[in-house]
């Protein structure tokens, strides 16, 4: 499990080690508070492994305000709101 953290692929996917540790910590808090896993958790699989799988499978990410977001979550848009009158 911790081997995944040493791989540069997962670090680069999130945008750096600090963002990775922030994402892991916030997602673990959510899981401990009762959020459901976004991947099929195997019997006895610990929550850290679940979070790492969620990241590896692009299920979660940190938004610009360092909040955990679920990929495809409603209310999220990749297109910024632009008022044509401001142009």
PDB file of N, CA and C in Angstrom:
ATOM      1  N   UNK A   1       0.827  -1.195   0.000  1.00  0.00           N
ATOM      2  CA  UNK A   1       0.000   0.000   0.000  1.00  0.00           C
ATOM      3  C   UNK A   1       0.865   1.251   0.000  1.00  0.00           C
ATOM      4  N   UNK A   2       1.832   1.327   0.886  1.00  0.00           N
ATOM      5  CA  UNK A   2       2.662   2.526   0.935  1.00  0.00           C
ATOM      6  C   UNK A   2       3.591   2.632  -0.264  1.00  0.00           C
ATOM      7  N   UNK A   3       3.795   1.517  -0.960  1.00  0.00           N
ATOM      8  CA  UNK A   3       4.614   1.551  -2.168  1.00  0.00           C
ATOM      9  C   UNK A   3       3.988   2.484  -3.206  1.00  0.00           C
ATOM     10  N   UNK A   4       2.644   2.517  -3.250  1.00  0.00           N
ATOM     11  CA  UNK A   4       1.952   3.370  -4.197  1.00  0.00           C
ATOM     12  C   UNK A   4       2.282   4.849  -3.967  1.00  0.00           C
ATOM     13  N   UNK A   5       2.515   5.212  -2.706  1.00  0.00           N
ATOM     14  CA  UNK A   5       2.819   6.605  -2.392  1.00  0.00           C
ATOM     15  C   UNK A   5       4.191   7.014  -2.898  1.00  0.00           C
ATOM     16  N   UNK A   6       5.078   6.057  -3.040  1.00  0.00           N
ATOM     17  CA  UNK A   6       6.432   6.360  -3.503  1.00  0.00           C
ATOM     18  C   UNK A   6       6.498   6.495  -5.018  1.00  0.00           C
ATOM     19  N   UNK A   7       5.499   5.967  -5.701  1.00  0.00           N
ATOM     20  CA  UNK A   7       5.500   6.045  -7.150  1.00  0.00           C
ATOM     21  C   UNK A   7       5.169   7.463  -7.599  1.00  0.00           C
ATOM     22  N   UNK A   8       5.944   7.954  -8.528  1.00  0.00           N
ATOM     23  CA  UNK A   8       5.746   9.314  -9.021  1.00  0.00           C
ATOM     24  C   UNK A   8       4.429   9.476  -9.777  1.00  0.00           C
ATOM     25  N   UNK A   9       3.901   8.393 -10.326  1.00  0.00           N
ATOM     26  CA  UNK A   9       2.668   8.482 -11.106  1.00  0.00           C
ATOM     27  C   UNK A   9       1.515   9.028 -10.275  1.00  0.00           C
ATOM     28  N   UNK A  10       1.324   8.494  -9.071  1.00  0.00           N
ATOM     29  CA  UNK A  10       0.211   8.952  -8.230  1.00  0.00           C
ATOM     30  C   UNK A  10       0.478  10.368  -7.713  1.00  0.00           C
ATOM     31  N   UNK A  11       1.738  10.690  -7.442  1.00  0.00           N
ATOM     32  CA  UNK A  11       2.093  12.038  -6.992  1.00  0.00           C
ATOM     33  C   UNK A  11       1.801  13.039  -8.104  1.00  0.00           C
ATOM     34  N   UNK A  12       2.207  12.709  -9.318  1.00  0.00           N
ATOM     35  CA  UNK A  12       1.974  13.609 -10.458  1.00  0.00           C
ATOM     36  C   UNK A  12       0.494  13.712 -10.805  1.00  0.00           C
ATOM     37  N   UNK A  13      -0.237  12.630 -10.620  1.00  0.00           N
ATOM     38  CA  UNK A  13      -1.673  12.629 -10.921  1.00  0.00           C
ATOM     39  C   UNK A  13      -2.408  13.671 -10.087  1.00  0.00           C
ATOM     40  N   UNK A  14      -1.998  13.812  -8.832  1.00  0.00           N
ATOM     41  CA  UNK A  14      -2.660  14.729  -7.913  1.00  0.00           C
ATOM     42  C   UNK A  14      -2.072  16.134  -7.997  1.00  0.00           C
ATOM     43  N   UNK A  15      -0.806  16.232  -8.382  1.00  0.00           N
ATOM     44  CA  UNK A  15      -0.191  17.549  -8.505  1.00  0.00           C
ATOM     45  C   UNK A  15       0.883  17.832  -7.472  1.00  0.00           C
ATOM     46  N   UNK A  16       1.390  16.806  -6.835  1.00  0.00           N
ATOM     47  CA  UNK A  16       2.466  16.982  -5.866  1.00  0.00           C
ATOM     48  C   UNK A  16       2.203  16.227  -4.572  1.00  0.00           C
ATOM     49  N   UNK A  17       3.273  16.067  -3.805  1.00  0.00           N
ATOM     50  CA  UNK A  17       3.176  15.305  -2.552  1.00  0.00           C
ATOM     51  C   UNK A  17       2.287  15.991  -1.518  1.00  0.00           C
ATOM     52  N   UNK A  18       2.356  17.326  -1.448  1.00  0.00           N
ATOM     53  CA  UNK A  18       1.514  18.040  -0.489  1.00  0.00           C
ATOM     54  C   UNK A  18       0.035  17.846  -0.820  1.00  0.00           C
ATOM     55  N   UNK A  19      -0.320  17.992  -2.087  1.00  0.00           N
ATOM     56  CA  UNK A  19      -1.719  17.801  -2.485  1.00  0.00           C
ATOM     57  C   UNK A  19      -2.157  16.357  -2.259  1.00  0.00           C
ATOM     58  N   UNK A  20      -1.258  15.412  -2.519  1.00  0.00           N
ATOM     59  CA  UNK A  20      -1.580  14.010  -2.296  1.00  0.00           C
ATOM     60  C   UNK A  20      -1.868  13.757  -0.825  1.00  0.00           C
ATOM     61  N   UNK A  21      -1.018  14.270   0.055  1.00  0.00           N
ATOM     62  CA  UNK A  21      -1.251  14.039   1.489  1.00  0.00           C
ATOM     63  C   UNK A  21      -2.527  14.737   1.959  1.00  0.00           C
ATOM     64  N   UNK A  22      -2.821  15.923   1.410  1.00  0.00           N
ATOM     65  CA  UNK A  22      -4.056  16.630   1.758  1.00  0.00           C
ATOM     66  C   UNK A  22      -5.274  15.839   1.305  1.00  0.00           C
ATOM     67  N   UNK A  23      -5.235  15.340   0.062  1.00  0.00           N
ATOM     68  CA  UNK A  23      -6.351  14.566  -0.475  1.00  0.00           C
ATOM     69  C   UNK A  23      -6.577  13.299   0.343  1.00  0.00           C
ATOM     70  N   UNK A  24      -5.514  12.601   0.664  1.00  0.00           N
ATOM     71  CA  UNK A  24      -5.630  11.372   1.459  1.00  0.00           C
ATOM     72  C   UNK A  24      -6.236  11.679   2.824  1.00  0.00           C
ATOM     73  N   UNK A  25      -5.724  12.687   3.485  1.00  0.00           N
ATOM     74  CA  UNK A  25      -6.196  13.021   4.832  1.00  0.00           C
ATOM     75  C   UNK A  25      -7.665  13.407   4.819  1.00  0.00           C
ATOM     76  N   UNK A  26      -8.063  14.254   3.886  1.00  0.00           N
ATOM     77  CA  UNK A  26      -9.458  14.696   3.849  1.00  0.00           C
ATOM     78  C   UNK A  26     -10.402  13.557   3.472  1.00  0.00           C
ATOM     79  N   UNK A  27      -9.969  12.688   2.581  1.00  0.00           N
ATOM     80  CA  UNK A  27     -10.827  11.572   2.184  1.00  0.00           C
ATOM     81  C   UNK A  27     -10.944  10.554   3.308  1.00  0.00           C
ATOM     82  N   UNK A  28      -9.857  10.318   4.050  1.00  0.00           N
ATOM     83  CA  UNK A  28      -9.937   9.410   5.195  1.00  0.00           C
ATOM     84  C   UNK A  28     -10.908   9.943   6.247  1.00  0.00           C
ATOM     85  N   UNK A  29     -10.892  11.246   6.467  1.00  0.00           N
ATOM     86  CA  UNK A  29     -11.836  11.841   7.414  1.00  0.00           C
ATOM     87  C   UNK A  29     -13.267  11.587   6.946  1.00  0.00           C
ATOM     88  N   UNK A  30     -13.522  11.781   5.645  1.00  0.00           N
ATOM     89  CA  UNK A  30     -14.870  11.564   5.109  1.00  0.00           C
ATOM     90  C   UNK A  30     -15.289  10.102   5.253  1.00  0.00           C
ATOM     91  N   UNK A  31     -14.390   9.176   4.942  1.00  0.00           N
ATOM     92  CA  UNK A  31     -14.724   7.753   5.082  1.00  0.00           C
ATOM     93  C   UNK A  31     -14.997   7.389   6.537  1.00  0.00           C
ATOM     94  N   UNK A  32     -14.185   7.918   7.437  1.00  0.00           N
ATOM     95  CA  UNK A  32     -14.396   7.637   8.864  1.00  0.00           C
ATOM     96  C   UNK A  32     -15.691   8.244   9.384  1.00  0.00           C
ATOM     97  N   UNK A  33     -16.158   9.307   8.712  1.00  0.00           N
ATOM     98  CA  UNK A  33     -17.414   9.940   9.114  1.00  0.00           C
ATOM     99  C   UNK A  33     -18.630   9.257   8.504  1.00  0.00           C
ATOM    100  N   UNK A  34     -18.391   8.237   7.668  1.00  0.00           N
ATOM    101  CA  UNK A  34     -19.509   7.474   7.137  1.00  0.00           C
ATOM    102  C   UNK A  34     -19.725   7.551   5.637  1.00  0.00           C
ATOM    103  N   UNK A  35     -18.881   8.298   4.918  1.00  0.00           N
ATOM    104  CA  UNK A  35     -19.015   8.330   3.459  1.00  0.00           C
ATOM    105  C   UNK A  35     -18.780   6.937   2.898  1.00  0.00           C
ATOM    106  N   UNK A  36     -19.464   6.645   1.797  1.00  0.00           N
ATOM    107  CA  UNK A  36     -19.278   5.327   1.199  1.00  0.00           C
ATOM    108  C   UNK A  36     -18.065   5.350   0.280  1.00  0.00           C
ATOM    109  N   UNK A  37     -17.426   4.209   0.154  1.00  0.00           N
ATOM    110  CA  UNK A  37     -16.283   4.080  -0.744  1.00  0.00           C
ATOM    111  C   UNK A  37     -16.752   4.161  -2.187  1.00  0.00           C
ATOM    112  N   UNK A  38     -15.943   4.734  -3.047  1.00  0.00           N
ATOM    113  CA  UNK A  38     -16.275   4.882  -4.458  1.00  0.00           C
ATOM    114  C   UNK A  38     -15.729   3.731  -5.298  1.00  0.00           C
ATOM    115  N   UNK A  39     -15.039   2.816  -4.657  1.00  0.00           N
ATOM    116  CA  UNK A  39     -14.540   1.596  -5.299  1.00  0.00           C
ATOM    117  C   UNK A  39     -15.055   0.422  -4.483  1.00  0.00           C
ATOM    118  N   UNK A  40     -15.096  -0.740  -5.090  1.00  0.00           N
ATOM    119  CA  UNK A  40     -15.529  -1.935  -4.361  1.00  0.00           C
ATOM    120  C   UNK A  40     -14.440  -2.334  -3.373  1.00  0.00           C
ATOM    121  N   UNK A  41     -14.726  -2.142  -2.102  1.00  0.00           N
ATOM    122  CA  UNK A  41     -13.763  -2.489  -1.062  1.00  0.00           C
ATOM    123  C   UNK A  41     -13.849  -3.983  -0.765  1.00  0.00           C
ATOM    124  N   UNK A  42     -12.690  -4.614  -0.720  1.00  0.00           N
ATOM    125  CA  UNK A  42     -12.634  -6.031  -0.395  1.00  0.00           C
ATOM    126  C   UNK A  42     -12.807  -6.200   1.109  1.00  0.00           C
ATOM    127  N   UNK A  43     -13.255  -7.369   1.504  1.00  0.00           N
ATOM    128  CA  UNK A  43     -13.456  -7.676   2.926  1.00  0.00           C
ATOM    129  C   UNK A  43     -12.152  -7.447   3.685  1.00  0.00           C
ATOM    130  N   UNK A  44     -12.195  -6.614   4.697  1.00  0.00           N
ATOM    131  CA  UNK A  44     -11.028  -6.365   5.538  1.00  0.00           C
ATOM    132  C   UNK A  44     -10.036  -5.365   4.974  1.00  0.00           C
ATOM    133  N   UNK A  45     -10.320  -4.789   3.804  1.00  0.00           N
ATOM    134  CA  UNK A  45      -9.412  -3.808   3.208  1.00  0.00           C
ATOM    135  C   UNK A  45      -9.441  -2.526   4.044  1.00  0.00           C
ATOM    136  N   UNK A  46      -8.256  -2.002   4.362  1.00  0.00           N
ATOM    137  CA  UNK A  46      -8.242  -0.806   5.196  1.00  0.00           C
ATOM    138  C   UNK A  46      -8.577   0.434   4.375  1.00  0.00           C
ATOM    139  N   UNK A  47      -8.945   1.487   5.062  1.00  0.00           N
ATOM    140  CA  UNK A  47      -9.442   2.692   4.405  1.00  0.00           C
ATOM    141  C   UNK A  47      -8.357   3.412   3.609  1.00  0.00           C
ATOM    142  N   UNK A  48      -7.121   3.315   4.052  1.00  0.00           N
ATOM    143  CA  UNK A  48      -6.027   3.939   3.313  1.00  0.00           C
ATOM    144  C   UNK A  48      -5.908   3.302   1.928  1.00  0.00           C
ATOM    145  N   UNK A  49      -6.019   2.006   1.845  1.00  0.00           N
ATOM    146  CA  UNK A  49      -5.955   1.311   0.557  1.00  0.00           C
ATOM    147  C   UNK A  49      -7.132   1.710  -0.324  1.00  0.00           C
ATOM    148  N   UNK A  50      -8.301   1.898   0.282  1.00  0.00           N
ATOM    149  CA  UNK A  50      -9.479   2.325  -0.471  1.00  0.00           C
ATOM    150  C   UNK A  50      -9.238   3.710  -1.069  1.00  0.00           C
ATOM    151  N   UNK A  51      -8.704   4.628  -0.279  1.00  0.00           N
ATOM    152  CA  UNK A  51      -8.443   5.988  -0.763  1.00  0.00           C
ATOM    153  C   UNK A  51      -7.424   5.957  -1.904  1.00  0.00           C
ATOM    154  N   UNK A  52      -6.376   5.180  -1.760  1.00  0.00           N
ATOM    155  CA  UNK A  52      -5.367   5.097  -2.814  1.00  0.00           C
ATOM    156  C   UNK A  52      -5.959   4.536  -4.100  1.00  0.00           C
ATOM    157  N   UNK A  53      -6.845   3.569  -3.983  1.00  0.00           N
ATOM    158  CA  UNK A  53      -7.511   3.025  -5.173  1.00  0.00           C
ATOM    159  C   UNK A  53      -8.432   4.062  -5.799  1.00  0.00           C
ATOM    160  N   UNK A  54      -9.134   4.845  -4.969  1.00  0.00           N
ATOM    161  CA  UNK A  54      -9.996   5.908  -5.494  1.00  0.00           C
ATOM    162  C   UNK A  54      -9.183   6.928  -6.290  1.00  0.00           C
ATOM    163  N   UNK A  55      -8.013   7.269  -5.787  1.00  0.00           N
ATOM    164  CA  UNK A  55      -7.149   8.222  -6.490  1.00  0.00           C
ATOM    165  C   UNK A  55      -6.634   7.600  -7.783  1.00  0.00           C
ATOM    166  N   UNK A  56      -6.147   6.377  -7.696  1.00  0.00           N
ATOM    167  CA  UNK A  56      -5.579   5.696  -8.868  1.00  0.00           C
ATOM    168  C   UNK A  56      -6.619   5.523  -9.972  1.00  0.00           C
ATOM    169  N   UNK A  57      -7.883   5.323  -9.581  1.00  0.00           N
ATOM    170  CA  UNK A  57      -8.953   5.131 -10.560  1.00  0.00           C
ATOM    171  C   UNK A  57      -9.655   6.442 -10.929  1.00  0.00           C
ATOM    172  N   UNK A  58      -9.046   7.568 -10.550  1.00  0.00           N
ATOM    173  CA  UNK A  58      -9.576   8.904 -10.873  1.00  0.00           C
ATOM    174  C   UNK A  58     -10.997   9.122 -10.375  1.00  0.00           C
ATOM    175  N   UNK A  59     -11.309   8.615  -9.204  1.00  0.00           N
ATOM    176  CA  UNK A  59     -12.638   8.797  -8.621  1.00  0.00           C
ATOM    177  C   UNK A  59     -12.733  10.096  -7.826  1.00  0.00           C
ATOM    178  N   UNK A  60     -11.598  10.547  -7.264  1.00  0.00           N
ATOM    179  CA  UNK A  60     -11.598  11.757  -6.442  1.00  0.00           C
ATOM    180  C   UNK A  60     -10.428  12.652  -6.846  1.00  0.00           C
ATOM    181  N   UNK A  61     -10.548  13.943  -6.508  1.00  0.00           N
ATOM    182  CA  UNK A  61      -9.487  14.908  -6.767  1.00  0.00           C
ATOM    183  C   UNK A  61      -9.671  16.099  -5.839  1.00  0.00           C
ATOM    184  N   UNK A  62      -8.657  16.955  -5.763  1.00  0.00           N
ATOM    185  CA  UNK A  62      -8.749  18.199  -5.004  1.00  0.00           C
ATOM    186  C   UNK A  62      -9.120  19.317  -5.964  1.00  0.00           C
ATOM    187  N   UNK A  63     -10.100  20.131  -5.581  1.00  0.00           N
ATOM    188  CA  UNK A  63     -10.449  21.269  -6.424  1.00  0.00           C
ATOM    189  C   UNK A  63      -9.517  22.439  -6.110  1.00  0.00           C
ATOM    190  N   UNK A  64      -9.765  23.578  -6.717  1.00  0.00           N
ATOM    191  CA  UNK A  64      -8.897  24.746  -6.556  1.00  0.00           C
ATOM    192  C   UNK A  64      -8.856  25.268  -5.122  1.00  0.00           C
ATOM    193  N   UNK A  65      -9.902  24.980  -4.346  1.00  0.00           N
ATOM    194  CA  UNK A  65      -9.930  25.428  -2.951  1.00  0.00           C
ATOM    195  C   UNK A  65      -9.518  24.318  -1.984  1.00  0.00           C
ATOM    196  N   UNK A  66      -8.849  23.284  -2.505  1.00  0.00           N
ATOM    197  CA  UNK A  66      -8.344  22.144  -1.724  1.00  0.00           C
ATOM    198  C   UNK A  66      -9.450  21.347  -1.038  1.00  0.00           C
ATOM    199  N   UNK A  67     -10.602  21.283  -1.677  1.00  0.00           N
ATOM    200  CA  UNK A  67     -11.683  20.441  -1.200  1.00  0.00           C
ATOM    201  C   UNK A  67     -11.727  19.174  -2.039  1.00  0.00           C
ATOM    202  N   UNK A  68     -12.073  18.067  -1.403  1.00  0.00           N
ATOM    203  CA  UNK A  68     -12.170  16.797  -2.113  1.00  0.00           C
ATOM    204  C   UNK A  68     -13.431  16.805  -2.970  1.00  0.00           C
ATOM    205  N   UNK A  69     -13.288  16.458  -4.225  1.00  0.00           N
ATOM    206  CA  UNK A  69     -14.411  16.368  -5.154  1.00  0.00           C
ATOM    207  C   UNK A  69     -14.437  14.985  -5.771  1.00  0.00           C
ATOM    208  N   UNK A  70     -15.638  14.546  -6.083  1.00  0.00           N
ATOM    209  CA  UNK A  70     -15.840  13.269  -6.746  1.00  0.00           C
ATOM    210  C   UNK A  70     -15.937  13.537  -8.235  1.00  0.00           C
ATOM    211  N   UNK A  71     -15.208  12.783  -9.028  1.00  0.00           N
ATOM    212  CA  UNK A  71     -15.232  12.951 -10.474  1.00  0.00           C
ATOM    213  C   UNK A  71     -16.653  12.771 -10.982  1.00  0.00           C
ATOM    214  N   UNK A  72     -17.114  13.720 -11.780  1.00  0.00           N
ATOM    215  CA  UNK A  72     -18.453  13.661 -12.335  1.00  0.00           C
ATOM    216  C   UNK A  72     -19.538  14.137 -11.396  1.00  0.00           C
ATOM    217  N   UNK A  73     -19.160  14.657 -10.250  1.00  0.00           N
ATOM    218  CA  UNK A  73     -20.121  15.134  -9.257  1.00  0.00           C
ATOM    219  C   UNK A  73     -20.912  16.306  -9.830  1.00  0.00           C
ATOM    220  N   UNK A  74     -22.229  16.291  -9.631  1.00  0.00           N
ATOM    221  CA  UNK A  74     -23.061  17.379 -10.150  1.00  0.00           C
ATOM    222  C   UNK A  74     -22.717  18.676  -9.435  1.00  0.00           C
ATOM    223  N   UNK A  75     -22.884  19.763 -10.155  1.00  0.00           N
ATOM    224  CA  UNK A  75     -22.563  21.067  -9.599  1.00  0.00           C
ATOM    225  C   UNK A  75     -21.148  21.491  -9.914  1.00  0.00           C
ATOM    226  N   UNK A  76     -20.342  20.565 -10.374  1.00  0.00           N
ATOM    227  CA  UNK A  76     -18.979  20.878 -10.750  1.00  0.00           C
ATOM    228  C   UNK A  76     -18.919  21.067 -12.251  1.00  0.00           C
ATOM    229  N   UNK A  77     -18.223  22.059 -12.670  1.00  0.00           N
ATOM    230  CA  UNK A  77     -18.072  22.310 -14.092  1.00  0.00           C
ATOM    231  C   UNK A  77     -16.634  22.686 -14.373  1.00  0.00           C
ATOM    232  N   UNK A  78     -16.097  22.172 -15.457  1.00  0.00           N
ATOM    233  CA  UNK A  78     -14.747  22.531 -15.853  1.00  0.00           C
ATOM    234  C   UNK A  78     -14.721  23.870 -16.570  1.00  0.00           C
ATOM    235  N   UNK A  79     -15.890  24.370 -16.944  1.00  0.00           N
ATOM    236  CA  UNK A  79     -15.988  25.617 -17.674  1.00  0.00           C
ATOM    237  C   UNK A  79     -16.307  26.732 -16.689  1.00  0.00           C
ATOM    238  N   UNK A  80     -15.445  27.761 -16.625  1.00  0.00           N
ATOM    239  CA  UNK A  80     -15.731  28.848 -15.676  1.00  0.00           C
ATOM    240  C   UNK A  80     -16.916  29.677 -16.126  1.00  0.00           C
ATOM    241  N   UNK A  81     -17.613  30.245 -15.161  1.00  0.00           N
ATOM    242  CA  UNK A  81     -18.729  31.135 -15.469  1.00  0.00           C
ATOM    243  C   UNK A  81     -18.160  32.469 -15.956  1.00  0.00           C
ATOM    244  N   UNK A  82     -18.516  32.838 -17.166  1.00  0.00           N
ATOM    245  CA  UNK A  82     -18.028  34.080 -17.745  1.00  0.00           C
ATOM    246  C   UNK A  82     -19.232  34.912 -18.183  1.00  0.00           C
ATOM    247  N   UNK A  83     -19.238  36.128 -17.738  1.00  0.00           N
ATOM    248  CA  UNK A  83     -20.268  37.066 -18.149  1.00  0.00           C
ATOM    249  C   UNK A  83     -19.760  37.795 -19.384  1.00  0.00           C
ATOM    250  N   UNK A  84     -20.455  37.661 -20.525  1.00  0.00           N
ATOM    251  CA  UNK A  84     -19.990  38.312 -21.757  1.00  0.00           C
ATOM    252  C   UNK A  84     -19.868  39.824 -21.614  1.00  0.00           C
ATOM    253  N   UNK A  85     -20.611  40.417 -20.708  1.00  0.00           N
ATOM    254  CA  UNK A  85     -20.542  41.857 -20.515  1.00  0.00           C
ATOM    255  C   UNK A  85     -19.228  42.284 -19.862  1.00  0.00           C
ATOM    256  N   UNK A  86     -18.552  41.334 -19.201  1.00  0.00           N
ATOM    257  CA  UNK A  86     -17.288  41.641 -18.566  1.00  0.00           C
ATOM    258  C   UNK A  86     -16.129  41.638 -19.558  1.00  0.00           C
ATOM    259  N   UNK A  87     -16.373  41.140 -20.769  1.00  0.00           N
ATOM    260  CA  UNK A  87     -15.300  41.066 -21.769  1.00  0.00           C
ATOM    261  C   UNK A  87     -15.117  42.358 -22.396  1.00  0.00           C
TER     262      UNK A  87
END
